[in-house]
Amino acid sequence: MKILIAEDEHIIANSYKLLLESRKHEVIICSNGEECLKLFDEHALKMKQCRVRGRTNAKKSSSRPFDLLILDYRMPKKNGLEVAEQILSRVPNQRILIASAYNHEILNSKGLNQNVQMLDKPFEFDVFISVVEQGQEASPGFSLMKQSSPATEAADLSERNAQDRDFMHAADISEIFRPWR
Protein backbone atom coordinates (compact mmCIF):
# COMPACT_ATOMS: atom_id res chain seq x y z
CA MET A 1 0.00 0.00 0.00
CA LYS A 2 1.04 3.58 -0.62
CA ILE A 3 0.49 5.54 2.60
CA LEU A 4 0.82 9.25 3.43
CA ILE A 5 1.25 10.07 7.12
CA ALA A 6 0.78 13.56 8.61
CA GLU A 7 2.05 13.63 12.18
CA ASP A 8 3.82 16.54 13.89
CA GLU A 9 5.53 14.38 16.52
CA HIS A 10 8.62 13.14 14.65
CA ILE A 11 9.15 10.16 16.95
CA ILE A 12 5.60 8.96 16.32
CA ALA A 13 5.79 9.60 12.56
CA ASN A 14 9.05 7.68 12.27
CA SER A 15 7.63 4.83 14.38
CA TYR A 16 4.65 4.53 12.01
CA LYS A 17 7.01 4.64 9.03
CA LEU A 18 9.34 1.94 10.39
CA LEU A 19 6.49 -0.34 11.35
CA LEU A 20 4.67 0.02 8.03
CA GLU A 21 7.80 -0.23 5.88
CA SER A 22 8.74 -3.43 7.73
CA ARG A 23 5.44 -4.78 6.41
CA LYS A 24 6.35 -3.76 2.82
CA HIS A 25 4.24 -0.59 2.57
CA GLU A 26 5.46 2.53 0.76
CA VAL A 27 5.33 5.38 3.29
CA ILE A 28 5.71 9.15 2.96
CA ILE A 29 5.66 11.30 6.10
CA CYS A 30 5.07 15.00 6.66
CA SER A 31 4.79 17.11 9.79
CA ASN A 32 1.82 19.43 9.28
CA GLY A 33 -1.52 19.76 7.53
CA GLU A 34 -0.42 22.18 4.80
CA GLU A 35 2.50 19.95 3.82
CA CYS A 36 0.12 16.98 3.71
CA LEU A 37 -2.23 18.76 1.31
CA LYS A 38 0.71 19.81 -0.87
CA LEU A 39 2.05 16.24 -1.07
CA PHE A 40 -1.42 14.87 -1.73
CA ASP A 41 -1.95 17.34 -4.60
CA GLU A 42 1.51 16.62 -6.07
CA HIS A 43 0.82 12.87 -6.13
CA ALA A 44 -2.67 13.40 -7.54
CA LEU A 45 -1.19 15.53 -10.34
CA LYS A 46 1.49 12.91 -11.10
CA MET A 47 -1.20 10.23 -11.23
CA LYS A 48 -3.29 12.31 -13.61
CA GLN A 49 -0.29 12.98 -15.87
CA CYS A 50 0.57 9.27 -15.97
CA ARG A 51 -3.03 8.41 -16.93
CA VAL A 52 -2.98 11.00 -19.73
CA ARG A 53 0.28 9.54 -21.03
CA GLY A 54 -1.07 6.01 -20.74
CA ARG A 55 1.54 4.96 -18.19
CA THR A 56 -0.72 3.55 -15.52
CA ASN A 57 -0.51 -0.01 -14.34
CA ALA A 58 -4.05 -1.40 -14.72
CA LYS A 59 -3.69 -3.31 -11.46
CA LYS A 60 -2.64 -0.18 -9.53
CA SER A 61 -4.90 2.27 -11.36
CA SER A 62 -7.16 4.09 -8.90
CA SER A 63 -8.73 7.49 -8.52
CA ARG A 64 -6.84 7.92 -5.22
CA PRO A 65 -3.20 9.05 -5.10
CA PHE A 66 -2.71 7.11 -1.84
CA ASP A 67 -4.25 3.90 -0.58
CA LEU A 68 -4.44 5.42 2.88
CA LEU A 69 -3.82 8.72 4.68
CA ILE A 70 -2.99 8.56 8.39
CA LEU A 71 -3.60 11.92 10.05
CA ASP A 72 -3.03 13.24 13.53
CA TYR A 73 -5.74 15.64 14.67
CA ARG A 74 -3.70 18.33 16.43
CA MET A 75 -1.00 19.54 14.02
CA PRO A 76 0.46 22.92 13.09
CA LYS A 77 -0.93 25.02 10.23
CA LYS A 78 -3.97 22.80 9.52
CA ASN A 79 -5.37 20.15 11.81
CA GLY A 80 -6.24 16.62 10.71
CA LEU A 81 -9.95 17.39 10.44
CA GLU A 82 -9.34 20.34 8.10
CA VAL A 83 -7.00 18.21 6.00
CA ALA A 84 -9.48 15.32 5.84
CA GLU A 85 -12.34 17.62 4.81
CA GLN A 86 -10.28 19.28 2.06
CA ILE A 87 -9.03 15.97 0.69
CA LEU A 88 -12.51 14.42 0.72
CA SER A 89 -13.86 17.45 -1.17
CA ARG A 90 -11.35 16.60 -3.95
CA VAL A 91 -11.34 12.80 -3.74
CA PRO A 92 -14.48 11.60 -1.92
CA ASN A 93 -13.39 7.94 -1.94
CA GLN A 94 -10.00 8.58 -0.31
CA ARG A 95 -9.50 6.31 2.69
CA ILE A 96 -8.39 8.24 5.80
CA LEU A 97 -7.45 7.13 9.30
CA ILE A 98 -7.36 9.80 12.00
CA ALA A 99 -5.10 8.46 14.76
CA SER A 100 -5.34 10.84 17.69
CA ALA A 101 -5.81 11.16 21.41
CA TYR A 102 -8.45 13.82 20.65
CA ASN A 103 -10.95 11.99 18.45
CA HIS A 104 -13.72 12.77 20.93
CA GLU A 105 -13.42 16.40 19.79
CA ILE A 106 -14.26 15.61 16.15
CA LEU A 107 -16.79 12.78 16.35
CA ASN A 108 -19.76 14.64 14.90
CA SER A 109 -17.97 16.57 12.16
CA LYS A 110 -20.17 17.17 9.12
CA GLY A 111 -17.39 17.22 6.49
CA LEU A 112 -16.32 13.60 6.97
CA ASN A 113 -17.71 10.55 5.23
CA GLN A 114 -17.65 6.79 5.76
CA ASN A 115 -14.16 6.49 4.23
CA VAL A 116 -12.79 8.07 7.41
CA GLN A 117 -11.94 5.99 10.46
CA MET A 118 -10.75 7.07 13.87
CA LEU A 119 -8.26 5.29 16.07
CA ASP A 120 -7.70 6.45 19.63
CA LYS A 121 -4.12 6.85 20.84
CA PRO A 122 -2.56 5.02 22.52
CA PHE A 123 -3.19 1.80 20.66
CA GLU A 124 -1.60 -1.58 20.30
CA PHE A 125 0.57 -2.48 17.31
CA ASP A 126 -1.79 -5.28 16.28
CA VAL A 127 -4.82 -2.97 16.32
CA PHE A 128 -2.99 -0.39 14.21
CA ILE A 129 -1.84 -2.99 11.67
CA SER A 130 -5.32 -4.53 11.51
CA VAL A 131 -6.95 -1.20 10.79
CA VAL A 132 -4.34 -0.29 8.17
CA GLU A 133 -4.07 -3.64 6.39
CA GLN A 134 -7.44 -5.31 6.81
CA GLY A 135 -9.19 -2.07 6.01
CA GLN A 136 -7.73 -1.94 2.51
CA GLU A 137 -10.20 -4.61 1.35
CA ALA A 138 -13.18 -3.64 3.47
CA SER A 139 -16.19 -1.67 2.32
CA PRO A 140 -16.64 2.00 3.28
CA GLY A 141 -17.83 2.68 6.79
CA PHE A 142 -16.61 -0.56 8.31
CA SER A 143 -15.62 -0.77 11.95
CA LEU A 144 -12.52 -2.64 13.05
CA MET A 145 -11.59 -3.60 16.59
CA LYS A 146 -13.02 -1.80 19.57
CA GLN A 147 -10.51 1.05 19.27
CA SER A 148 -11.47 1.99 15.71
CA SER A 149 -14.70 3.44 14.46
CA PRO A 150 -16.03 5.24 11.37
CA ALA A 151 -16.13 9.00 11.77
CA THR A 152 -19.87 9.11 11.09
CA GLU A 153 -20.69 6.68 13.90
CA ALA A 154 -21.98 8.46 17.02
CA ALA A 155 -20.09 6.30 19.54
CA ASP A 156 -18.59 7.96 22.59
CA LEU A 157 -14.87 7.31 22.18
CA SER A 158 -13.92 9.60 25.04
CA GLU A 159 -15.49 7.24 27.59
CA ARG A 160 -13.93 4.18 25.99
CA ASN A 161 -10.38 5.45 26.52
CA ALA A 162 -10.91 7.90 29.38
CA GLN A 163 -7.81 6.71 31.21
CA ASP A 164 -5.68 7.66 28.18
CA ARG A 165 -7.04 11.16 27.59
CA ASP A 166 -3.94 13.08 28.72
CA PHE A 167 -1.19 10.74 27.56
CA MET A 168 0.57 12.71 24.78
CA HIS A 169 4.13 13.29 25.97
CA ALA A 170 6.53 13.95 23.09
CA ALA A 171 9.47 12.14 24.68
CA ASP A 172 7.59 8.97 25.64
CA ILE A 173 7.03 6.75 22.59
CA SER A 174 6.07 3.83 24.82
CA GLU A 175 2.74 5.56 25.41
CA ILE A 176 1.91 5.66 21.69
CA PHE A 177 1.98 1.96 21.03
CA ARG A 178 1.11 -0.56 23.67
CA PRO A 179 3.22 -3.74 23.47
CA TRP A 180 2.07 -6.80 21.56
CA ARG A 181 -0.14 -9.08 23.63
C-alpha atoms as a PDB file:
ATOM      1  CA  MET A   1       0.000   0.000   0.000  1.00  0.00           C
ATOM      2  CA  LYS A   2       1.037   3.582  -0.619  1.00  0.00           C
ATOM      3  CA  ILE A   3       0.491   5.541   2.604  1.00  0.00           C
ATOM      4  CA  LEU A   4       0.818   9.252   3.433  1.00  0.00           C
ATOM      5  CA  ILE A   5       1.254  10.074   7.123  1.00  0.00           C
ATOM      6  CA  ALA A   6       0.779  13.562   8.606  1.00  0.00           C
ATOM      7  CA  GLU A   7       2.050  13.632  12.181  1.00  0.00           C
ATOM      8  CA  ASP A   8       3.819  16.540  13.890  1.00  0.00           C
ATOM      9  CA  GLU A   9       5.535  14.378  16.522  1.00  0.00           C
ATOM     10  CA  HIS A  10       8.619  13.140  14.654  1.00  0.00           C
ATOM     11  CA  ILE A  11       9.153  10.156  16.954  1.00  0.00           C
ATOM     12  CA  ILE A  12       5.602   8.960  16.317  1.00  0.00           C
ATOM     13  CA  ALA A  13       5.790   9.601  12.556  1.00  0.00           C
ATOM     14  CA  ASN A  14       9.049   7.676  12.273  1.00  0.00           C
ATOM     15  CA  SER A  15       7.631   4.828  14.376  1.00  0.00           C
ATOM     16  CA  TYR A  16       4.655   4.527  12.007  1.00  0.00           C
ATOM     17  CA  LYS A  17       7.013   4.637   9.028  1.00  0.00           C
ATOM     18  CA  LEU A  18       9.342   1.944  10.390  1.00  0.00           C
ATOM     19  CA  LEU A  19       6.487  -0.344  11.352  1.00  0.00           C
ATOM     20  CA  LEU A  20       4.669   0.020   8.026  1.00  0.00           C
ATOM     21  CA  GLU A  21       7.799  -0.233   5.880  1.00  0.00           C
ATOM     22  CA  SER A  22       8.740  -3.427   7.732  1.00  0.00           C
ATOM     23  CA  ARG A  23       5.441  -4.785   6.408  1.00  0.00           C
ATOM     24  CA  LYS A  24       6.349  -3.757   2.821  1.00  0.00           C
ATOM     25  CA  HIS A  25       4.241  -0.592   2.568  1.00  0.00           C
ATOM     26  CA  GLU A  26       5.459   2.526   0.763  1.00  0.00           C
ATOM     27  CA  VAL A  27       5.332   5.378   3.293  1.00  0.00           C
ATOM     28  CA  ILE A  28       5.707   9.146   2.963  1.00  0.00           C
ATOM     29  CA  ILE A  29       5.664  11.304   6.100  1.00  0.00           C
ATOM     30  CA  CYS A  30       5.072  15.002   6.660  1.00  0.00           C
ATOM     31  CA  SER A  31       4.790  17.108   9.787  1.00  0.00           C
ATOM     32  CA  ASN A  32       1.818  19.429   9.280  1.00  0.00           C
ATOM     33  CA  GLY A  33      -1.515  19.760   7.533  1.00  0.00           C
ATOM     34  CA  GLU A  34      -0.418  22.176   4.803  1.00  0.00           C
ATOM     35  CA  GLU A  35       2.502  19.946   3.818  1.00  0.00           C
ATOM     36  CA  CYS A  36       0.118  16.976   3.711  1.00  0.00           C
ATOM     37  CA  LEU A  37      -2.234  18.765   1.314  1.00  0.00           C
ATOM     38  CA  LYS A  38       0.709  19.811  -0.871  1.00  0.00           C
ATOM     39  CA  LEU A  39       2.052  16.243  -1.066  1.00  0.00           C
ATOM     40  CA  PHE A  40      -1.421  14.875  -1.732  1.00  0.00           C
ATOM     41  CA  ASP A  41      -1.951  17.336  -4.602  1.00  0.00           C
ATOM     42  CA  GLU A  42       1.508  16.623  -6.067  1.00  0.00           C
ATOM     43  CA  HIS A  43       0.823  12.875  -6.127  1.00  0.00           C
ATOM     44  CA  ALA A  44      -2.670  13.400  -7.535  1.00  0.00           C
ATOM     45  CA  LEU A  45      -1.189  15.529 -10.342  1.00  0.00           C
ATOM     46  CA  LYS A  46       1.489  12.912 -11.104  1.00  0.00           C
ATOM     47  CA  MET A  47      -1.203  10.233 -11.231  1.00  0.00           C
ATOM     48  CA  LYS A  48      -3.290  12.312 -13.609  1.00  0.00           C
ATOM     49  CA  GLN A  49      -0.286  12.984 -15.866  1.00  0.00           C
ATOM     50  CA  CYS A  50       0.570   9.273 -15.973  1.00  0.00           C
ATOM     51  CA  ARG A  51      -3.026   8.413 -16.929  1.00  0.00           C
ATOM     52  CA  VAL A  52      -2.977  10.998 -19.726  1.00  0.00           C
ATOM     53  CA  ARG A  53       0.281   9.544 -21.029  1.00  0.00           C
ATOM     54  CA  GLY A  54      -1.075   6.008 -20.742  1.00  0.00           C
ATOM     55  CA  ARG A  55       1.545   4.960 -18.188  1.00  0.00           C
ATOM     56  CA  THR A  56      -0.722   3.545 -15.524  1.00  0.00           C
ATOM     57  CA  ASN A  57      -0.515  -0.014 -14.343  1.00  0.00           C
ATOM     58  CA  ALA A  58      -4.052  -1.395 -14.721  1.00  0.00           C
ATOM     59  CA  LYS A  59      -3.688  -3.309 -11.459  1.00  0.00           C
ATOM     60  CA  LYS A  60      -2.644  -0.184  -9.531  1.00  0.00           C
ATOM     61  CA  SER A  61      -4.901   2.268 -11.356  1.00  0.00           C
ATOM     62  CA  SER A  62      -7.160   4.088  -8.903  1.00  0.00           C
ATOM     63  CA  SER A  63      -8.725   7.486  -8.515  1.00  0.00           C
ATOM     64  CA  ARG A  64      -6.839   7.921  -5.219  1.00  0.00           C
ATOM     65  CA  PRO A  65      -3.201   9.051  -5.098  1.00  0.00           C
ATOM     66  CA  PHE A  66      -2.711   7.115  -1.837  1.00  0.00           C
ATOM     67  CA  ASP A  67      -4.253   3.895  -0.585  1.00  0.00           C
ATOM     68  CA  LEU A  68      -4.439   5.423   2.879  1.00  0.00           C
ATOM     69  CA  LEU A  69      -3.818   8.717   4.682  1.00  0.00           C
ATOM     70  CA  ILE A  70      -2.995   8.563   8.385  1.00  0.00           C
ATOM     71  CA  LEU A  71      -3.602  11.919  10.054  1.00  0.00           C
ATOM     72  CA  ASP A  72      -3.025  13.243  13.532  1.00  0.00           C
ATOM     73  CA  TYR A  73      -5.736  15.641  14.669  1.00  0.00           C
ATOM     74  CA  ARG A  74      -3.704  18.327  16.427  1.00  0.00           C
ATOM     75  CA  MET A  75      -1.001  19.536  14.024  1.00  0.00           C
ATOM     76  CA  PRO A  76       0.456  22.924  13.088  1.00  0.00           C
ATOM     77  CA  LYS A  77      -0.928  25.024  10.228  1.00  0.00           C
ATOM     78  CA  LYS A  78      -3.971  22.803   9.521  1.00  0.00           C
ATOM     79  CA  ASN A  79      -5.370  20.151  11.814  1.00  0.00           C
ATOM     80  CA  GLY A  80      -6.243  16.621  10.713  1.00  0.00           C
ATOM     81  CA  LEU A  81      -9.951  17.390  10.442  1.00  0.00           C
ATOM     82  CA  GLU A  82      -9.342  20.341   8.103  1.00  0.00           C
ATOM     83  CA  VAL A  83      -6.997  18.207   6.002  1.00  0.00           C
ATOM     84  CA  ALA A  84      -9.481  15.319   5.835  1.00  0.00           C
ATOM     85  CA  GLU A  85     -12.341  17.619   4.813  1.00  0.00           C
ATOM     86  CA  GLN A  86     -10.282  19.278   2.057  1.00  0.00           C
ATOM     87  CA  ILE A  87      -9.033  15.971   0.688  1.00  0.00           C
ATOM     88  CA  LEU A  88     -12.508  14.422   0.721  1.00  0.00           C
ATOM     89  CA  SER A  89     -13.862  17.446  -1.173  1.00  0.00           C
ATOM     90  CA  ARG A  90     -11.348  16.604  -3.949  1.00  0.00           C
ATOM     91  CA  VAL A  91     -11.342  12.797  -3.738  1.00  0.00           C
ATOM     92  CA  PRO A  92     -14.480  11.598  -1.918  1.00  0.00           C
ATOM     93  CA  ASN A  93     -13.395   7.941  -1.937  1.00  0.00           C
ATOM     94  CA  GLN A  94     -10.002   8.584  -0.307  1.00  0.00           C
ATOM     95  CA  ARG A  95      -9.499   6.312   2.693  1.00  0.00           C
ATOM     96  CA  ILE A  96      -8.389   8.243   5.796  1.00  0.00           C
ATOM     97  CA  LEU A  97      -7.452   7.135   9.296  1.00  0.00           C
ATOM     98  CA  ILE A  98      -7.362   9.798  11.996  1.00  0.00           C
ATOM     99  CA  ALA A  99      -5.104   8.464  14.763  1.00  0.00           C
ATOM    100  CA  SER A 100      -5.336  10.838  17.689  1.00  0.00           C
ATOM    101  CA  ALA A 101      -5.815  11.158  21.411  1.00  0.00           C
ATOM    102  CA  TYR A 102      -8.452  13.824  20.651  1.00  0.00           C
ATOM    103  CA  ASN A 103     -10.951  11.987  18.450  1.00  0.00           C
ATOM    104  CA  HIS A 104     -13.722  12.770  20.933  1.00  0.00           C
ATOM    105  CA  GLU A 105     -13.422  16.403  19.787  1.00  0.00           C
ATOM    106  CA  ILE A 106     -14.262  15.612  16.147  1.00  0.00           C
ATOM    107  CA  LEU A 107     -16.787  12.778  16.350  1.00  0.00           C
ATOM    108  CA  ASN A 108     -19.762  14.643  14.904  1.00  0.00           C
ATOM    109  CA  SER A 109     -17.975  16.570  12.160  1.00  0.00           C
ATOM    110  CA  LYS A 110     -20.173  17.169   9.121  1.00  0.00           C
ATOM    111  CA  GLY A 111     -17.392  17.215   6.494  1.00  0.00           C
ATOM    112  CA  LEU A 112     -16.324  13.596   6.969  1.00  0.00           C
ATOM    113  CA  ASN A 113     -17.715  10.546   5.229  1.00  0.00           C
ATOM    114  CA  GLN A 114     -17.645   6.795   5.762  1.00  0.00           C
ATOM    115  CA  ASN A 115     -14.157   6.492   4.230  1.00  0.00           C
ATOM    116  CA  VAL A 116     -12.790   8.066   7.414  1.00  0.00           C
ATOM    117  CA  GLN A 117     -11.936   5.992  10.462  1.00  0.00           C
ATOM    118  CA  MET A 118     -10.753   7.066  13.869  1.00  0.00           C
ATOM    119  CA  LEU A 119      -8.257   5.294  16.070  1.00  0.00           C
ATOM    120  CA  ASP A 120      -7.698   6.447  19.634  1.00  0.00           C
ATOM    121  CA  LYS A 121      -4.117   6.851  20.839  1.00  0.00           C
ATOM    122  CA  PRO A 122      -2.561   5.021  22.516  1.00  0.00           C
ATOM    123  CA  PHE A 123      -3.192   1.804  20.660  1.00  0.00           C
ATOM    124  CA  GLU A 124      -1.598  -1.583  20.302  1.00  0.00           C
ATOM    125  CA  PHE A 125       0.567  -2.482  17.305  1.00  0.00           C
ATOM    126  CA  ASP A 126      -1.788  -5.282  16.278  1.00  0.00           C
ATOM    127  CA  VAL A 127      -4.822  -2.971  16.323  1.00  0.00           C
ATOM    128  CA  PHE A 128      -2.993  -0.389  14.207  1.00  0.00           C
ATOM    129  CA  ILE A 129      -1.841  -2.985  11.668  1.00  0.00           C
ATOM    130  CA  SER A 130      -5.322  -4.530  11.510  1.00  0.00           C
ATOM    131  CA  VAL A 131      -6.949  -1.197  10.792  1.00  0.00           C
ATOM    132  CA  VAL A 132      -4.337  -0.294   8.169  1.00  0.00           C
ATOM    133  CA  GLU A 133      -4.070  -3.643   6.393  1.00  0.00           C
ATOM    134  CA  GLN A 134      -7.439  -5.314   6.807  1.00  0.00           C
ATOM    135  CA  GLY A 135      -9.191  -2.069   6.015  1.00  0.00           C
ATOM    136  CA  GLN A 136      -7.735  -1.942   2.510  1.00  0.00           C
ATOM    137  CA  GLU A 137     -10.198  -4.608   1.352  1.00  0.00           C
ATOM    138  CA  ALA A 138     -13.178  -3.640   3.468  1.00  0.00           C
ATOM    139  CA  SER A 139     -16.188  -1.672   2.323  1.00  0.00           C
ATOM    140  CA  PRO A 140     -16.640   2.005   3.281  1.00  0.00           C
ATOM    141  CA  GLY A 141     -17.833   2.678   6.794  1.00  0.00           C
ATOM    142  CA  PHE A 142     -16.609  -0.561   8.314  1.00  0.00           C
ATOM    143  CA  SER A 143     -15.624  -0.770  11.950  1.00  0.00           C
ATOM    144  CA  LEU A 144     -12.521  -2.639  13.049  1.00  0.00           C
ATOM    145  CA  MET A 145     -11.592  -3.598  16.594  1.00  0.00           C
ATOM    146  CA  LYS A 146     -13.015  -1.803  19.569  1.00  0.00           C
ATOM    147  CA  GLN A 147     -10.511   1.050  19.270  1.00  0.00           C
ATOM    148  CA  SER A 148     -11.473   1.991  15.709  1.00  0.00           C
ATOM    149  CA  SER A 149     -14.697   3.444  14.462  1.00  0.00           C
ATOM    150  CA  PRO A 150     -16.025   5.236  11.366  1.00  0.00           C
ATOM    151  CA  ALA A 151     -16.135   8.995  11.767  1.00  0.00           C
ATOM    152  CA  THR A 152     -19.872   9.107  11.086  1.00  0.00           C
ATOM    153  CA  GLU A 153     -20.691   6.678  13.900  1.00  0.00           C
ATOM    154  CA  ALA A 154     -21.983   8.458  17.016  1.00  0.00           C
ATOM    155  CA  ALA A 155     -20.094   6.304  19.536  1.00  0.00           C
ATOM    156  CA  ASP A 156     -18.595   7.957  22.587  1.00  0.00           C
ATOM    157  CA  LEU A 157     -14.872   7.312  22.184  1.00  0.00           C
ATOM    158  CA  SER A 158     -13.921   9.595  25.043  1.00  0.00           C
ATOM    159  CA  GLU A 159     -15.492   7.238  27.592  1.00  0.00           C
ATOM    160  CA  ARG A 160     -13.925   4.183  25.987  1.00  0.00           C
ATOM    161  CA  ASN A 161     -10.378   5.451  26.521  1.00  0.00           C
ATOM    162  CA  ALA A 162     -10.914   7.900  29.384  1.00  0.00           C
ATOM    163  CA  GLN A 163      -7.815   6.713  31.210  1.00  0.00           C
ATOM    164  CA  ASP A 164      -5.683   7.656  28.176  1.00  0.00           C
ATOM    165  CA  ARG A 165      -7.039  11.157  27.586  1.00  0.00           C
ATOM    166  CA  ASP A 166      -3.935  13.078  28.715  1.00  0.00           C
ATOM    167  CA  PHE A 167      -1.190  10.737  27.565  1.00  0.00           C
ATOM    168  CA  MET A 168       0.575  12.712  24.780  1.00  0.00           C
ATOM    169  CA  HIS A 169       4.133  13.290  25.970  1.00  0.00           C
ATOM    170  CA  ALA A 170       6.535  13.950  23.095  1.00  0.00           C
ATOM    171  CA  ALA A 171       9.467  12.139  24.682  1.00  0.00           C
ATOM    172  CA  ASP A 172       7.592   8.968  25.636  1.00  0.00           C
ATOM    173  CA  ILE A 173       7.030   6.754  22.592  1.00  0.00           C
ATOM    174  CA  SER A 174       6.074   3.826  24.820  1.00  0.00           C
ATOM    175  CA  GLU A 175       2.744   5.556  25.414  1.00  0.00           C
ATOM    176  CA  ILE A 176       1.906   5.664  21.691  1.00  0.00           C
ATOM    177  CA  PHE A 177       1.982   1.957  21.026  1.00  0.00           C
ATOM    178  CA  ARG A 178       1.108  -0.560  23.669  1.00  0.00           C
ATOM    179  CA  PRO A 179       3.217  -3.736  23.475  1.00  0.00           C
ATOM    180  CA  TRP A 180       2.068  -6.797  21.557  1.00  0.00           C
ATOM    181  CA  ARG A 181      -0.136  -9.078  23.631  1.00  0.00           C
END
